[in-house]
Structures are given as structure tokens and as C-alpha cells.
Amino acid sequence: MAIMITDECINCGACEPECPNNAIYEGGVEWRLSDGTDLKGEVVTPMGNAYDAESEQEPVDMDVYYIVTDKCTECVGFHDEPQCAAVCPVDCCVDDPDYRESEDELIKKKDFMHL
């Protein structure tokens, strides 16, 4: 499953530089699938969503840091645990119950983004 940031976020920014997939953005900031990945041009993610990897996308949240689900691999293939949750001082980086993925699916997502 992907990780999400709850409304308890204090906007400290500790999580953002820890993400190996550049999946974490400050509230209100537009995101790109290509940020921190090898993706370019038109792509369909393992989750089935189509994007122009280099086009800006609408922010997921306007007020607090957020995680782009299509980019989150829970740090599988990089670390033993999600780094955002490990560094969060208020424990607001939690499992997103709406997005359940197996370890194999998370590895495929990582391999898709990092050719």
C-alpha cells in the first residue's frame, strides 16, 4: 500500500528529502511523474493511470505535504521501512488504506520508475 500524510502534518518538511522516488511534495506544489525518476513522455503507471510524465499535475493537497500514490513504493527496493514515516516527528506518515499493494507490486512500480 502507499503511504499518505494526514492532516496532522506540521509542514516541517523532514519527509520530502528522504523519499527515494521524489513522491512527496509541499502542499500546493504541482508535481510531475518525471521528478526523481527515469520516466519521460506518455506513460501508463502500474496502477493504470496515464500521464505525460513531464507535465505538471494538480497538487493532491493545498495545505500540507502530500505523497503521490503513483510514485510511492513504501521505499521497497531502497530501504527496510518507509523513510518518511521514520523521520516524521508527529507520526503523520501512515499506510493509505485506499491503496493496497503487495511487495511484488511495489517492486514492479520501483522498477517501472527507475529503469
PDB file of N, CA and C in Angstrom:
ATOM      1  N   MET A   1       0.846  -1.181   0.000  1.00  0.00           N
ATOM      2  CA  MET A   1       0.000   0.000   0.000  1.00  0.00           C
ATOM      3  C   MET A   1       0.881   1.230   0.000  1.00  0.00           C
ATOM      4  N   ALA A   2       0.372   2.294  -0.463  1.00  0.00           N
ATOM      5  CA  ALA A   2       1.110   3.549  -0.453  1.00  0.00           C
ATOM      6  C   ALA A   2       1.023   4.171   0.939  1.00  0.00           C
ATOM      7  N   ILE A   3       1.861   5.142   1.144  1.00  0.00           N
ATOM      8  CA  ILE A   3       1.843   5.909   2.391  1.00  0.00           C
ATOM      9  C   ILE A   3       1.103   7.209   2.109  1.00  0.00           C
ATOM     10  N   MET A   4       0.419   7.725   3.103  1.00  0.00           N
ATOM     11  CA  MET A   4      -0.259   9.021   2.986  1.00  0.00           C
ATOM     12  C   MET A   4       0.161   9.892   4.165  1.00  0.00           C
ATOM     13  N   ILE A   5       0.006  11.187   3.981  1.00  0.00           N
ATOM     14  CA  ILE A   5       0.296  12.151   5.045  1.00  0.00           C
ATOM     15  C   ILE A   5      -1.036  12.696   5.536  1.00  0.00           C
ATOM     16  N   THR A   6      -1.256  12.599   6.826  1.00  0.00           N
ATOM     17  CA  THR A   6      -2.530  13.027   7.400  1.00  0.00           C
ATOM     18  C   THR A   6      -2.540  14.540   7.657  1.00  0.00           C
ATOM     19  N   ASP A   7      -3.709  15.027   8.019  1.00  0.00           N
ATOM     20  CA  ASP A   7      -3.879  16.450   8.314  1.00  0.00           C
ATOM     21  C   ASP A   7      -3.131  16.899   9.557  1.00  0.00           C
ATOM     22  N   GLU A   8      -2.577  15.949  10.319  1.00  0.00           N
ATOM     23  CA  GLU A   8      -1.788  16.308  11.494  1.00  0.00           C
ATOM     24  C   GLU A   8      -0.403  16.829  11.112  1.00  0.00           C
ATOM     25  N   CYS A   9      -0.071  16.799   9.825  1.00  0.00           N
ATOM     26  CA  CYS A   9       1.223  17.279   9.334  1.00  0.00           C
ATOM     27  C   CYS A   9       1.470  18.711   9.810  1.00  0.00           C
ATOM     28  N   ILE A  10       2.687  18.955  10.298  1.00  0.00           N
ATOM     29  CA  ILE A  10       3.049  20.297  10.772  1.00  0.00           C
ATOM     30  C   ILE A  10       3.896  21.042   9.730  1.00  0.00           C
ATOM     31  N   ASN A  11       3.993  20.487   8.522  1.00  0.00           N
ATOM     32  CA  ASN A  11       4.734  21.106   7.422  1.00  0.00           C
ATOM     33  C   ASN A  11       6.202  21.354   7.750  1.00  0.00           C
ATOM     34  N   CYS A  12       6.809  20.424   8.469  1.00  0.00           N
ATOM     35  CA  CYS A  12       8.224  20.592   8.824  1.00  0.00           C
ATOM     36  C   CYS A  12       9.138  20.282   7.637  1.00  0.00           C
ATOM     37  N   GLY A  13       8.664  19.441   6.694  1.00  0.00           N
ATOM     38  CA  GLY A  13       9.447  19.124   5.508  1.00  0.00           C
ATOM     39  C   GLY A  13      10.496  18.048   5.698  1.00  0.00           C
ATOM     40  N   ALA A  14      10.543  17.400   6.854  1.00  0.00           N
ATOM     41  CA  ALA A  14      11.558  16.375   7.107  1.00  0.00           C
ATOM     42  C   ALA A  14      11.427  15.187   6.152  1.00  0.00           C
ATOM     43  N   CYS A  15      10.224  14.890   5.730  1.00  0.00           N
ATOM     44  CA  CYS A  15       9.969  13.717   4.894  1.00  0.00           C
ATOM     45  C   CYS A  15      10.422  13.892   3.442  1.00  0.00           C
ATOM     46  N   GLU A  16      10.275  15.064   2.911  1.00  0.00           N
ATOM     47  CA  GLU A  16      10.489  15.288   1.473  1.00  0.00           C
ATOM     48  C   GLU A  16      11.859  14.838   0.967  1.00  0.00           C
ATOM     49  N   PRO A  17      12.969  15.228   1.594  1.00  0.00           N
ATOM     50  CA  PRO A  17      14.266  14.808   1.058  1.00  0.00           C
ATOM     51  C   PRO A  17      14.582  13.323   1.283  1.00  0.00           C
ATOM     52  N   GLU A  18      13.816  12.648   2.119  1.00  0.00           N
ATOM     53  CA  GLU A  18      14.059  11.238   2.415  1.00  0.00           C
ATOM     54  C   GLU A  18      13.480  10.294   1.372  1.00  0.00           C
ATOM     55  N   CYS A  19      12.561  10.779   0.548  1.00  0.00           N
ATOM     56  CA  CYS A  19      11.849   9.912  -0.393  1.00  0.00           C
ATOM     57  C   CYS A  19      12.716   9.578  -1.607  1.00  0.00           C
ATOM     58  N   PRO A  20      13.022   8.298  -1.824  1.00  0.00           N
ATOM     59  CA  PRO A  20      13.864   7.911  -2.964  1.00  0.00           C
ATOM     60  C   PRO A  20      13.159   8.039  -4.312  1.00  0.00           C
ATOM     61  N   ASN A  21      11.847   8.234  -4.300  1.00  0.00           N
ATOM     62  CA  ASN A  21      11.076   8.351  -5.535  1.00  0.00           C
ATOM     63  C   ASN A  21      10.612   9.778  -5.826  1.00  0.00           C
ATOM     64  N   ASN A  22      11.007  10.722  -4.991  1.00  0.00           N
ATOM     65  CA  ASN A  22      10.507  12.087  -5.107  1.00  0.00           C
ATOM     66  C   ASN A  22       8.986  12.099  -5.198  1.00  0.00           C
ATOM     67  N   ALA A  23       8.343  11.331  -4.326  1.00  0.00           N
ATOM     68  CA  ALA A  23       6.884  11.227  -4.320  1.00  0.00           C
ATOM     69  C   ALA A  23       6.235  12.201  -3.351  1.00  0.00           C
ATOM     70  N   ILE A  24       7.024  12.945  -2.578  1.00  0.00           N
ATOM     71  CA  ILE A  24       6.491  13.842  -1.555  1.00  0.00           C
ATOM     72  C   ILE A  24       6.673  15.289  -2.003  1.00  0.00           C
ATOM     73  N   TYR A  25       5.579  16.040  -1.891  1.00  0.00           N
ATOM     74  CA  TYR A  25       5.577  17.440  -2.313  1.00  0.00           C
ATOM     75  C   TYR A  25       4.953  18.315  -1.237  1.00  0.00           C
ATOM     76  N   GLU A  26       5.398  19.547  -1.202  1.00  0.00           N
ATOM     77  CA  GLU A  26       4.820  20.527  -0.287  1.00  0.00           C
ATOM     78  C   GLU A  26       3.405  20.860  -0.737  1.00  0.00           C
ATOM     79  N   GLY A  27       2.522  21.090   0.214  1.00  0.00           N
ATOM     80  CA  GLY A  27       1.141  21.441  -0.110  1.00  0.00           C
ATOM     81  C   GLY A  27       1.076  22.593  -1.101  1.00  0.00           C
ATOM     82  N   GLY A  28       0.225  22.438  -2.115  1.00  0.00           N
ATOM     83  CA  GLY A  28       0.024  23.470  -3.126  1.00  0.00           C
ATOM     84  C   GLY A  28       0.999  23.421  -4.288  1.00  0.00           C
ATOM     85  N   VAL A  29       2.019  22.586  -4.202  1.00  0.00           N
ATOM     86  CA  VAL A  29       3.025  22.498  -5.258  1.00  0.00           C
ATOM     87  C   VAL A  29       2.591  21.452  -6.285  1.00  0.00           C
ATOM     88  N   GLU A  30       2.667  21.826  -7.573  1.00  0.00           N
ATOM     89  CA  GLU A  30       2.359  20.876  -8.637  1.00  0.00           C
ATOM     90  C   GLU A  30       3.459  19.820  -8.705  1.00  0.00           C
ATOM     91  N   TRP A  31       3.121  18.635  -9.191  1.00  0.00           N
ATOM     92  CA  TRP A  31       4.072  17.535  -9.251  1.00  0.00           C
ATOM     93  C   TRP A  31       4.169  16.995 -10.665  1.00  0.00           C
ATOM     94  N   ARG A  32       5.270  16.281 -10.916  1.00  0.00           N
ATOM     95  CA  ARG A  32       5.499  15.604 -12.195  1.00  0.00           C
ATOM     96  C   ARG A  32       5.907  14.163 -11.917  1.00  0.00           C
ATOM     97  N   LEU A  33       5.463  13.267 -12.746  1.00  0.00           N
ATOM     98  CA  LEU A  33       5.869  11.872 -12.618  1.00  0.00           C
ATOM     99  C   LEU A  33       7.361  11.735 -12.892  1.00  0.00           C
ATOM    100  N   SER A  34       7.914  12.617 -13.711  1.00  0.00           N
ATOM    101  CA  SER A  34       9.336  12.553 -14.064  1.00  0.00           C
ATOM    102  C   SER A  34      10.256  13.023 -12.943  1.00  0.00           C
ATOM    103  N   ASP A  35       9.741  13.761 -11.976  1.00  0.00           N
ATOM    104  CA  ASP A  35      10.576  14.260 -10.873  1.00  0.00           C
ATOM    105  C   ASP A  35      11.225  13.095 -10.137  1.00  0.00           C
ATOM    106  N   GLY A  36      12.549  13.011 -10.204  1.00  0.00           N
ATOM    107  CA  GLY A  36      13.277  11.985  -9.470  1.00  0.00           C
ATOM    108  C   GLY A  36      13.167  10.582 -10.037  1.00  0.00           C
ATOM    109  N   THR A  37      12.630  10.456 -11.251  1.00  0.00           N
ATOM    110  CA  THR A  37      12.502   9.140 -11.881  1.00  0.00           C
ATOM    111  C   THR A  37      13.125   9.199 -13.275  1.00  0.00           C
ATOM    112  N   ASP A  38      13.133   8.064 -13.953  1.00  0.00           N
ATOM    113  CA  ASP A  38      13.645   7.998 -15.323  1.00  0.00           C
ATOM    114  C   ASP A  38      12.539   8.139 -16.363  1.00  0.00           C
ATOM    115  N   LEU A  39      11.332   8.459 -15.937  1.00  0.00           N
ATOM    116  CA  LEU A  39      10.188   8.485 -16.836  1.00  0.00           C
ATOM    117  C   LEU A  39      10.160   9.745 -17.696  1.00  0.00           C
ATOM    118  N   LYS A  40       9.791   9.554 -18.950  1.00  0.00           N
ATOM    119  CA  LYS A  40       9.653  10.667 -19.897  1.00  0.00           C
ATOM    120  C   LYS A  40       8.497  10.357 -20.835  1.00  0.00           C
ATOM    121  N   GLY A  41       7.867  11.402 -21.343  1.00  0.00           N
ATOM    122  CA  GLY A  41       6.806  11.235 -22.330  1.00  0.00           C
ATOM    123  C   GLY A  41       5.542  10.616 -21.758  1.00  0.00           C
ATOM    124  N   GLU A  42       4.730  10.048 -22.662  1.00  0.00           N
ATOM    125  CA  GLU A  42       3.466   9.438 -22.270  1.00  0.00           C
ATOM    126  C   GLU A  42       3.722   8.072 -21.644  1.00  0.00           C
ATOM    127  N   VAL A  43       3.179   7.870 -20.445  1.00  0.00           N
ATOM    128  CA  VAL A  43       3.354   6.594 -19.740  1.00  0.00           C
ATOM    129  C   VAL A  43       2.037   6.191 -19.080  1.00  0.00           C
ATOM    130  N   VAL A  44       1.910   4.902 -18.846  1.00  0.00           N
ATOM    131  CA  VAL A  44       0.816   4.364 -18.043  1.00  0.00           C
ATOM    132  C   VAL A  44       1.466   3.684 -16.847  1.00  0.00           C
ATOM    133  N   THR A  45       1.126   4.124 -15.660  1.00  0.00           N
ATOM    134  CA  THR A  45       1.742   3.601 -14.444  1.00  0.00           C
ATOM    135  C   THR A  45       1.250   2.187 -14.148  1.00  0.00           C
ATOM    136  N   PRO A  46       1.966   1.464 -13.310  1.00  0.00           N
ATOM    137  CA  PRO A  46       1.495   0.134 -12.903  1.00  0.00           C
ATOM    138  C   PRO A  46       0.108   0.167 -12.258  1.00  0.00           C
ATOM    139  N   MET A  47      -0.296   1.328 -11.749  1.00  0.00           N
ATOM    140  CA  MET A  47      -1.629   1.472 -11.171  1.00  0.00           C
ATOM    141  C   MET A  47      -2.680   1.730 -12.248  1.00  0.00           C
ATOM    142  N   GLY A  48      -2.234   1.851 -13.523  1.00  0.00           N
ATOM    143  CA  GLY A  48      -3.160   2.024 -14.638  1.00  0.00           C
ATOM    144  C   GLY A  48      -3.497   3.457 -14.991  1.00  0.00           C
ATOM    145  N   ASN A  49      -2.791   4.416 -14.432  1.00  0.00           N
ATOM    146  CA  ASN A  49      -3.054   5.824 -14.705  1.00  0.00           C
ATOM    147  C   ASN A  49      -2.133   6.325 -15.813  1.00  0.00           C
ATOM    148  N   ALA A  50      -2.696   7.072 -16.754  1.00  0.00           N
ATOM    149  CA  ALA A  50      -1.926   7.606 -17.880  1.00  0.00           C
ATOM    150  C   ALA A  50      -1.519   9.046 -17.594  1.00  0.00           C
ATOM    151  N   TYR A  51      -0.254   9.355 -17.899  1.00  0.00           N
ATOM    152  CA  TYR A  51       0.293  10.694 -17.691  1.00  0.00           C
ATOM    153  C   TYR A  51       1.258  11.044 -18.806  1.00  0.00           C
ATOM    154  N   ASP A  52       1.448  12.331 -19.014  1.00  0.00           N
ATOM    155  CA  ASP A  52       2.649  12.825 -19.678  1.00  0.00           C
ATOM    156  C   ASP A  52       3.590  13.052 -18.505  1.00  0.00           C
ATOM    157  N   ALA A  53       4.623  12.249 -18.417  1.00  0.00           N
ATOM    158  CA  ALA A  53       5.494  12.248 -17.241  1.00  0.00           C
ATOM    159  C   ALA A  53       6.093  13.610 -16.940  1.00  0.00           C
ATOM    160  N   GLU A  54       6.241  14.447 -17.947  1.00  0.00           N
ATOM    161  CA  GLU A  54       6.897  15.734 -17.742  1.00  0.00           C
ATOM    162  C   GLU A  54       5.927  16.902 -17.544  1.00  0.00           C
ATOM    163  N   SER A  55       4.635  16.626 -17.585  1.00  0.00           N
ATOM    164  CA  SER A  55       3.627  17.675 -17.383  1.00  0.00           C
ATOM    165  C   SER A  55       3.311  17.847 -15.908  1.00  0.00           C
ATOM    166  N   GLU A  56       3.089  19.090 -15.526  1.00  0.00           N
ATOM    167  CA  GLU A  56       2.716  19.375 -14.148  1.00  0.00           C
ATOM    168  C   GLU A  56       1.310  18.867 -13.875  1.00  0.00           C
ATOM    169  N   GLN A  57       1.137  18.285 -12.704  1.00  0.00           N
ATOM    170  CA  GLN A  57      -0.159  17.766 -12.262  1.00  0.00           C
ATOM    171  C   GLN A  57      -0.645  18.600 -11.079  1.00  0.00           C
ATOM    172  N   GLU A  58      -1.950  18.617 -10.894  1.00  0.00           N
ATOM    173  CA  GLU A  58      -2.547  19.370  -9.789  1.00  0.00           C
ATOM    174  C   GLU A  58      -2.057  18.828  -8.440  1.00  0.00           C
ATOM    175  N   PRO A  59      -1.841  19.714  -7.483  1.00  0.00           N
ATOM    176  CA  PRO A  59      -1.452  19.254  -6.138  1.00  0.00           C
ATOM    177  C   PRO A  59      -2.523  18.345  -5.543  1.00  0.00           C
ATOM    178  N   VAL A  60      -2.100  17.347  -4.799  1.00  0.00           N
ATOM    179  CA  VAL A  60      -3.023  16.446  -4.131  1.00  0.00           C
ATOM    180  C   VAL A  60      -3.620  17.122  -2.897  1.00  0.00           C
ATOM    181  N   ASP A  61      -2.855  18.016  -2.287  1.00  0.00           N
ATOM    182  CA  ASP A  61      -3.303  18.742  -1.095  1.00  0.00           C
ATOM    183  C   ASP A  61      -2.766  20.159  -1.188  1.00  0.00           C
ATOM    184  N   MET A  62      -3.536  21.105  -0.743  1.00  0.00           N
ATOM    185  CA  MET A  62      -3.116  22.507  -0.812  1.00  0.00           C
ATOM    186  C   MET A  62      -2.477  22.982   0.496  1.00  0.00           C
ATOM    187  N   ASP A  63      -2.735  22.280   1.586  1.00  0.00           N
ATOM    188  CA  ASP A  63      -2.342  22.791   2.898  1.00  0.00           C
ATOM    189  C   ASP A  63      -1.135  22.112   3.535  1.00  0.00           C
ATOM    190  N   VAL A  64      -0.998  20.809   3.337  1.00  0.00           N
ATOM    191  CA  VAL A  64       0.091  20.070   3.978  1.00  0.00           C
ATOM    192  C   VAL A  64       0.842  19.263   2.925  1.00  0.00           C
ATOM    193  N   TYR A  65       2.021  18.794   3.293  1.00  0.00           N
ATOM    194  CA  TYR A  65       2.784  17.926   2.405  1.00  0.00           C
ATOM    195  C   TYR A  65       1.909  16.754   1.992  1.00  0.00           C
ATOM    196  N   TYR A  66       2.164  16.228   0.803  1.00  0.00           N
ATOM    197  CA  TYR A  66       1.382  15.088   0.318  1.00  0.00           C
ATOM    198  C   TYR A  66       2.280  14.122  -0.437  1.00  0.00           C
ATOM    199  N   ILE A  67       1.789  12.898  -0.596  1.00  0.00           N
ATOM    200  CA  ILE A  67       2.513  11.847  -1.299  1.00  0.00           C
ATOM    201  C   ILE A  67       1.726  11.454  -2.533  1.00  0.00           C
ATOM    202  N   VAL A  68       2.398  11.408  -3.683  1.00  0.00           N
ATOM    203  CA  VAL A  68       1.774  10.986  -4.932  1.00  0.00           C
ATOM    204  C   VAL A  68       1.743   9.458  -4.932  1.00  0.00           C
ATOM    205  N   THR A  69       0.563   8.896  -4.876  1.00  0.00           N
ATOM    206  CA  THR A  69       0.381   7.449  -4.764  1.00  0.00           C
ATOM    207  C   THR A  69       1.043   6.693  -5.910  1.00  0.00           C
ATOM    208  N   ASP A  70       0.960   7.218  -7.118  1.00  0.00           N
ATOM    209  CA  ASP A  70       1.554   6.540  -8.271  1.00  0.00           C
ATOM    210  C   ASP A  70       3.076   6.468  -8.190  1.00  0.00           C
ATOM    211  N   LYS A  71       3.689   7.251  -7.305  1.00  0.00           N
ATOM    212  CA  LYS A  71       5.148   7.244  -7.167  1.00  0.00           C
ATOM    213  C   LYS A  71       5.627   6.564  -5.883  1.00  0.00           C
ATOM    214  N   CYS A  72       4.746   6.330  -4.932  1.00  0.00           N
ATOM    215  CA  CYS A  72       5.139   5.783  -3.639  1.00  0.00           C
ATOM    216  C   CYS A  72       5.317   4.267  -3.715  1.00  0.00           C
ATOM    217  N   THR A  73       6.489   3.811  -3.288  1.00  0.00           N
ATOM    218  CA  THR A  73       6.771   2.372  -3.220  1.00  0.00           C
ATOM    219  C   THR A  73       7.013   1.919  -1.784  1.00  0.00           C
ATOM    220  N   GLU A  74       6.651   2.755  -0.821  1.00  0.00           N
ATOM    221  CA  GLU A  74       6.927   2.477   0.593  1.00  0.00           C
ATOM    222  C   GLU A  74       8.409   2.226   0.816  1.00  0.00           C
ATOM    223  N   CYS A  75       9.239   2.761  -0.052  1.00  0.00           N
ATOM    224  CA  CYS A  75      10.697   2.615  -0.009  1.00  0.00           C
ATOM    225  C   CYS A  75      11.159   1.183  -0.294  1.00  0.00           C
ATOM    226  N   VAL A  76      10.259   0.315  -0.757  1.00  0.00           N
ATOM    227  CA  VAL A  76      10.633  -1.054  -1.123  1.00  0.00           C
ATOM    228  C   VAL A  76      11.683  -0.992  -2.230  1.00  0.00           C
ATOM    229  N   GLY A  77      12.728  -1.762  -2.060  1.00  0.00           N
ATOM    230  CA  GLY A  77      13.827  -1.755  -3.019  1.00  0.00           C
ATOM    231  C   GLY A  77      14.898  -0.736  -2.693  1.00  0.00           C
ATOM    232  N   PHE A  78      14.637   0.117  -1.720  1.00  0.00           N
ATOM    233  CA  PHE A  78      15.599   1.134  -1.297  1.00  0.00           C
ATOM    234  C   PHE A  78      15.967   0.984   0.177  1.00  0.00           C
ATOM    235  N   HIS A  79      14.957   0.846   1.023  1.00  0.00           N
ATOM    236  CA  HIS A  79      15.141   0.810   2.473  1.00  0.00           C
ATOM    237  C   HIS A  79      14.251  -0.264   3.093  1.00  0.00           C
ATOM    238  N   ASP A  80      14.508  -0.584   4.345  1.00  0.00           N
ATOM    239  CA  ASP A  80      13.726  -1.599   5.052  1.00  0.00           C
ATOM    240  C   ASP A  80      12.380  -1.091   5.548  1.00  0.00           C
ATOM    241  N   GLU A  81      12.212   0.224   5.601  1.00  0.00           N
ATOM    242  CA  GLU A  81      10.954   0.818   6.060  1.00  0.00           C
ATOM    243  C   GLU A  81      10.751   2.147   5.347  1.00  0.00           C
ATOM    244  N   PRO A  82       9.502   2.623   5.273  1.00  0.00           N
ATOM    245  CA  PRO A  82       9.247   3.928   4.654  1.00  0.00           C
ATOM    246  C   PRO A  82      10.002   5.030   5.405  1.00  0.00           C
ATOM    247  N   GLN A  83      10.847   5.726   4.694  1.00  0.00           N
ATOM    248  CA  GLN A  83      11.691   6.738   5.326  1.00  0.00           C
ATOM    249  C   GLN A  83      10.910   7.956   5.785  1.00  0.00           C
ATOM    250  N   CYS A  84       9.823   8.284   5.097  1.00  0.00           N
ATOM    251  CA  CYS A  84       9.018   9.424   5.533  1.00  0.00           C
ATOM    252  C   CYS A  84       8.467   9.178   6.939  1.00  0.00           C
ATOM    253  N   ALA A  85       7.960   7.962   7.159  1.00  0.00           N
ATOM    254  CA  ALA A  85       7.418   7.620   8.482  1.00  0.00           C
ATOM    255  C   ALA A  85       8.522   7.574   9.535  1.00  0.00           C
ATOM    256  N   ALA A  86       9.702   7.128   9.136  1.00  0.00           N
ATOM    257  CA  ALA A  86      10.810   7.018  10.086  1.00  0.00           C
ATOM    258  C   ALA A  86      11.260   8.378  10.607  1.00  0.00           C
ATOM    259  N   VAL A  87      11.179   9.419   9.789  1.00  0.00           N
ATOM    260  CA  VAL A  87      11.669  10.737  10.205  1.00  0.00           C
ATOM    261  C   VAL A  87      10.568  11.692  10.662  1.00  0.00           C
ATOM    262  N   CYS A  88       9.319  11.325  10.483  1.00  0.00           N
ATOM    263  CA  CYS A  88       8.217  12.237  10.815  1.00  0.00           C
ATOM    264  C   CYS A  88       8.111  12.448  12.324  1.00  0.00           C
ATOM    265  N   PRO A  89       8.226  13.700  12.789  1.00  0.00           N
ATOM    266  CA  PRO A  89       8.179  13.951  14.233  1.00  0.00           C
ATOM    267  C   PRO A  89       6.788  13.838  14.843  1.00  0.00           C
ATOM    268  N   VAL A  90       5.746  13.830  14.008  1.00  0.00           N
ATOM    269  CA  VAL A  90       4.383  13.749  14.547  1.00  0.00           C
ATOM    270  C   VAL A  90       3.638  12.504  14.072  1.00  0.00           C
ATOM    271  N   ASP A  91       4.350  11.569  13.484  1.00  0.00           N
ATOM    272  CA  ASP A  91       3.777  10.291  13.050  1.00  0.00           C
ATOM    273  C   ASP A  91       2.551  10.447  12.152  1.00  0.00           C
ATOM    274  N   CYS A  92       2.646  11.359  11.185  1.00  0.00           N
ATOM    275  CA  CYS A  92       1.508  11.558  10.282  1.00  0.00           C
ATOM    276  C   CYS A  92       1.690  10.875   8.931  1.00  0.00           C
ATOM    277  N   CYS A  93       2.785  10.162   8.728  1.00  0.00           N
ATOM    278  CA  CYS A  93       3.000   9.370   7.515  1.00  0.00           C
ATOM    279  C   CYS A  93       2.561   7.945   7.833  1.00  0.00           C
ATOM    280  N   VAL A  94       1.396   7.581   7.318  1.00  0.00           N
ATOM    281  CA  VAL A  94       0.773   6.309   7.676  1.00  0.00           C
ATOM    282  C   VAL A  94       0.357   5.547   6.414  1.00  0.00           C
ATOM    283  N   ASP A  95       0.058   4.258   6.582  1.00  0.00           N
ATOM    284  CA  ASP A  95      -0.445   3.458   5.470  1.00  0.00           C
ATOM    285  C   ASP A  95      -1.742   4.052   4.948  1.00  0.00           C
ATOM    286  N   ASP A  96      -1.863   4.097   3.624  1.00  0.00           N
ATOM    287  CA  ASP A  96      -3.080   4.595   2.987  1.00  0.00           C
ATOM    288  C   ASP A  96      -4.001   3.403   2.732  1.00  0.00           C
ATOM    289  N   PRO A  97      -5.091   3.291   3.469  1.00  0.00           N
ATOM    290  CA  PRO A  97      -5.962   2.117   3.332  1.00  0.00           C
ATOM    291  C   PRO A  97      -6.648   2.023   1.973  1.00  0.00           C
ATOM    292  N   ASP A  98      -6.654   3.101   1.210  1.00  0.00           N
ATOM    293  CA  ASP A  98      -7.295   3.095  -0.104  1.00  0.00           C
ATOM    294  C   ASP A  98      -6.413   2.500  -1.197  1.00  0.00           C
ATOM    295  N   TYR A  99      -5.123   2.307  -0.905  1.00  0.00           N
ATOM    296  CA  TYR A  99      -4.195   1.799  -1.913  1.00  0.00           C
ATOM    297  C   TYR A  99      -3.371   0.651  -1.331  1.00  0.00           C
ATOM    298  N   ARG A 100      -3.828  -0.549  -1.564  1.00  0.00           N
ATOM    299  CA  ARG A 100      -3.162  -1.752  -1.062  1.00  0.00           C
ATOM    300  C   ARG A 100      -2.347  -2.365  -2.201  1.00  0.00           C
ATOM    301  N   GLU A 101      -1.057  -2.576  -1.958  1.00  0.00           N
ATOM    302  CA  GLU A 101      -0.184  -3.185  -2.954  1.00  0.00           C
ATOM    303  C   GLU A 101       0.715  -4.202  -2.263  1.00  0.00           C
ATOM    304  N   SER A 102       0.970  -5.299  -2.950  1.00  0.00           N
ATOM    305  CA  SER A 102       1.866  -6.318  -2.413  1.00  0.00           C
ATOM    306  C   SER A 102       3.306  -5.846  -2.588  1.00  0.00           C
ATOM    307  N   GLU A 103       4.225  -6.546  -1.942  1.00  0.00           N
ATOM    308  CA  GLU A 103       5.637  -6.206  -2.102  1.00  0.00           C
ATOM    309  C   GLU A 103       6.070  -6.363  -3.563  1.00  0.00           C
ATOM    310  N   ASP A 104       5.550  -7.401  -4.239  1.00  0.00           N
ATOM    311  CA  ASP A 104       5.871  -7.592  -5.661  1.00  0.00           C
ATOM    312  C   ASP A 104       5.380  -6.421  -6.507  1.00  0.00           C
ATOM    313  N   GLU A 105       4.179  -5.927  -6.218  1.00  0.00           N
ATOM    314  CA  GLU A 105       3.646  -4.777  -6.953  1.00  0.00           C
ATOM    315  C   GLU A 105       4.485  -3.528  -6.702  1.00  0.00           C
ATOM    316  N   LEU A 106       4.936  -3.352  -5.458  1.00  0.00           N
ATOM    317  CA  LEU A 106       5.758  -2.191  -5.128  1.00  0.00           C
ATOM    318  C   LEU A 106       7.119  -2.267  -5.823  1.00  0.00           C
ATOM    319  N   ILE A 107       7.681  -3.459  -5.917  1.00  0.00           N
ATOM    320  CA  ILE A 107       8.951  -3.632  -6.631  1.00  0.00           C
ATOM    321  C   ILE A 107       8.763  -3.341  -8.115  1.00  0.00           C
ATOM    322  N   LYS A 108       7.662  -3.803  -8.697  1.00  0.00           N
ATOM    323  CA  LYS A 108       7.381  -3.518 -10.114  1.00  0.00           C
ATOM    324  C   LYS A 108       7.237  -2.018 -10.344  1.00  0.00           C
ATOM    325  N   LYS A 109       6.594  -1.335  -9.400  1.00  0.00           N
ATOM    326  CA  LYS A 109       6.431   0.118  -9.513  1.00  0.00           C
ATOM    327  C   LYS A 109       7.802   0.801  -9.450  1.00  0.00           C
ATOM    328  N   LYS A 110       8.656   0.356  -8.531  1.00  0.00           N
ATOM    329  CA  LYS A 110      10.002   0.918  -8.410  1.00  0.00           C
ATOM    330  C   LYS A 110      10.765   0.694  -9.717  1.00  0.00           C
ATOM    331  N   ASP A 111      10.733  -0.538 -10.230  1.00  0.00           N
ATOM    332  CA  ASP A 111      11.451  -0.854 -11.476  1.00  0.00           C
ATOM    333  C   ASP A 111      10.902  -0.051 -12.659  1.00  0.00           C
ATOM    334  N   PHE A 112       9.606   0.198 -12.676  1.00  0.00           N
ATOM    335  CA  PHE A 112       8.983   1.000 -13.729  1.00  0.00           C
ATOM    336  C   PHE A 112       9.532   2.433 -13.727  1.00  0.00           C
ATOM    337  N   MET A 113       9.687   3.001 -12.537  1.00  0.00           N
ATOM    338  CA  MET A 113      10.129   4.403 -12.442  1.00  0.00           C
ATOM    339  C   MET A 113      11.632   4.566 -12.595  1.00  0.00           C
ATOM    340  N   HIS A 114      12.377   3.562 -12.197  1.00  0.00           N
ATOM    341  CA  HIS A 114      13.838   3.664 -12.190  1.00  0.00           C
ATOM    342  C   HIS A 114      14.426   2.584 -13.105  1.00  0.00           C
ATOM    343  N   LEU A 115      14.449   2.907 -14.389  1.00  0.00           N
ATOM    344  CA  LEU A 115      14.869   1.951 -15.417  1.00  0.00           C
ATOM    345  C   LEU A 115      16.297   1.493 -15.247  1.00  0.00           C
TER     346      LEU A 115
END
